[in-house]
Amino acid sequence: MRIVLSVVFLAIALFQFTFVDLAFAAEVSNGAKIFNANCASCHIGGGNILIAEKTLKKEALSKYLENYDADSIQAIIYQVQNGKNAMPSYKSKLNEQEILEVAAYVFQKAEQGWQDS
């Protein structure tokens, strides 16, 4: 009986992780499109054409975004929504879902070091 329950729980867990990964992949794909249309002109390849040290690389995000180390996605969302200094606010240009998708994309690319994958 334990073996059957273990197999059932394992199957459920694999299904959930697969579904979550596919949903996240869709968000990242849409996020890439949103990023390219709205952000890439200043942040191409995770850089920053205006302020060189304030890139979208993980180390810079950790240093310059408040609460990045505690809640990375929320910190990116806050920055996209509100902007700061030379970066404009996008809350009137992008809807909540688009902001979430671009934040997920930026987070994933930062984790990968902005290398093509």
Protein backbone atom coordinates (compact mmCIF):
# COMPACT_ATOMS: atom_id res chain seq x y z
CA MET A 1 0.00 0.00 0.00
CA ARG A 2 2.85 2.39 0.82
CA ILE A 3 4.36 1.81 -2.59
CA VAL A 4 1.08 2.61 -4.34
CA LEU A 5 0.63 5.79 -2.30
CA SER A 6 4.22 6.80 -2.98
CA VAL A 7 3.75 6.31 -6.71
CA VAL A 8 0.49 8.31 -6.67
CA PHE A 9 2.07 11.18 -4.72
CA LEU A 10 5.10 11.16 -7.01
CA ALA A 11 2.85 11.26 -10.09
CA ILE A 12 0.87 14.19 -8.65
CA ALA A 13 4.06 16.06 -7.77
CA LEU A 14 5.55 15.53 -11.24
CA PHE A 15 2.32 16.68 -12.87
CA GLN A 16 2.21 19.84 -10.75
CA PHE A 17 5.87 20.71 -11.38
CA THR A 18 5.46 20.11 -15.11
CA PHE A 19 2.34 22.28 -15.28
CA VAL A 20 3.96 25.07 -13.24
CA ASP A 21 7.07 24.99 -15.46
CA LEU A 22 4.93 25.22 -18.60
CA ALA A 23 2.92 28.12 -17.17
CA PHE A 24 6.11 29.91 -16.13
CA ALA A 25 7.62 29.30 -19.59
CA ALA A 26 4.57 30.94 -21.19
CA GLU A 27 4.94 33.94 -18.88
CA VAL A 28 8.61 34.23 -19.74
CA SER A 29 7.88 34.00 -23.47
CA ASN A 30 5.33 36.82 -23.24
CA GLY A 31 7.71 38.63 -20.91
CA ALA A 32 10.42 38.54 -23.56
CA LYS A 33 8.09 40.15 -26.08
CA ILE A 34 7.05 42.83 -23.60
CA PHE A 35 10.67 43.44 -22.62
CA ASN A 36 11.78 43.78 -26.23
CA ALA A 37 8.96 46.20 -27.02
CA ASN A 38 9.32 48.39 -23.91
CA CYS A 39 12.63 47.89 -22.11
CA ALA A 40 15.31 46.70 -24.53
CA SER A 41 16.02 50.16 -25.91
CA CYS A 42 17.68 51.03 -22.56
CA HIS A 43 18.35 47.56 -21.16
CA ILE A 44 19.50 45.53 -24.17
CA GLY A 45 21.17 42.33 -23.04
CA GLY A 46 20.51 43.21 -19.41
CA GLY A 47 22.67 46.33 -19.58
CA ASN A 48 21.80 49.98 -19.01
CA ILE A 49 22.69 52.56 -21.64
CA LEU A 50 22.05 55.52 -19.30
CA ILE A 51 23.66 54.45 -15.99
CA ALA A 52 26.22 51.72 -16.68
CA GLU A 53 26.33 50.25 -13.16
CA LYS A 54 22.54 49.92 -12.80
CA THR A 55 22.12 46.92 -15.05
CA LEU A 56 19.59 44.11 -14.88
CA LYS A 57 22.24 41.66 -13.80
CA LYS A 58 21.57 39.84 -10.54
CA GLU A 59 24.33 41.59 -8.59
CA ALA A 60 23.14 45.06 -9.62
CA LEU A 61 19.48 44.24 -8.97
CA SER A 62 20.43 43.01 -5.52
CA LYS A 63 22.38 46.21 -4.86
CA TYR A 64 20.00 48.79 -6.33
CA LEU A 65 16.47 47.40 -5.90
CA GLU A 66 14.98 47.62 -2.44
CA ASN A 67 14.02 44.20 -1.03
CA TYR A 68 15.41 42.31 -4.05
CA ASP A 69 17.07 39.70 -1.87
CA ALA A 70 13.87 39.12 0.12
CA ASP A 71 11.38 39.03 -2.80
CA SER A 72 13.03 39.39 -6.18
CA ILE A 73 9.93 39.29 -8.39
CA GLN A 74 8.05 41.81 -6.24
CA ALA A 75 11.06 44.15 -6.23
CA ILE A 76 11.20 44.04 -10.03
CA ILE A 77 7.43 44.55 -10.28
CA TYR A 78 7.67 47.61 -8.02
CA GLN A 79 10.44 49.11 -10.17
CA VAL A 80 8.53 48.51 -13.42
CA GLN A 81 5.31 49.95 -11.98
CA ASN A 82 6.84 53.01 -10.37
CA GLY A 83 10.09 53.70 -12.20
CA LYS A 84 12.84 55.76 -10.57
CA ASN A 85 15.17 58.50 -11.74
CA ALA A 86 15.62 58.09 -15.53
CA MET A 87 13.37 55.01 -15.67
CA PRO A 88 9.74 55.88 -16.33
CA SER A 89 6.77 54.26 -14.63
CA TYR A 90 5.02 51.63 -16.73
CA LYS A 91 1.87 51.15 -14.62
CA SER A 92 -0.18 53.24 -17.03
CA LYS A 93 1.33 51.57 -20.12
CA LEU A 94 1.35 47.89 -19.09
CA ASN A 95 -1.39 46.00 -17.30
CA GLU A 96 -0.72 43.93 -14.15
CA GLN A 97 -0.31 40.68 -16.09
CA GLU A 98 2.17 42.24 -18.52
CA ILE A 99 4.18 43.68 -15.61
CA LEU A 100 4.24 40.25 -13.93
CA GLU A 101 5.36 38.61 -17.18
CA VAL A 102 8.17 41.10 -17.81
CA ALA A 103 9.27 40.81 -14.17
CA ALA A 104 9.42 37.02 -14.48
CA TYR A 105 11.47 37.40 -17.68
CA VAL A 106 13.91 39.85 -16.08
CA PHE A 107 14.27 37.61 -13.03
CA GLN A 108 14.95 34.52 -15.14
CA LYS A 109 17.48 36.31 -17.35
CA ALA A 110 19.23 37.78 -14.29
CA GLU A 111 19.50 34.30 -12.78
CA GLN A 112 21.03 33.06 -16.06
CA GLY A 113 23.45 35.98 -16.29
CA TRP A 114 21.63 37.37 -19.35
CA GLN A 115 23.09 34.66 -21.54
CA ASP A 116 21.02 33.36 -24.45
CA SER A 117 19.42 30.05 -23.66
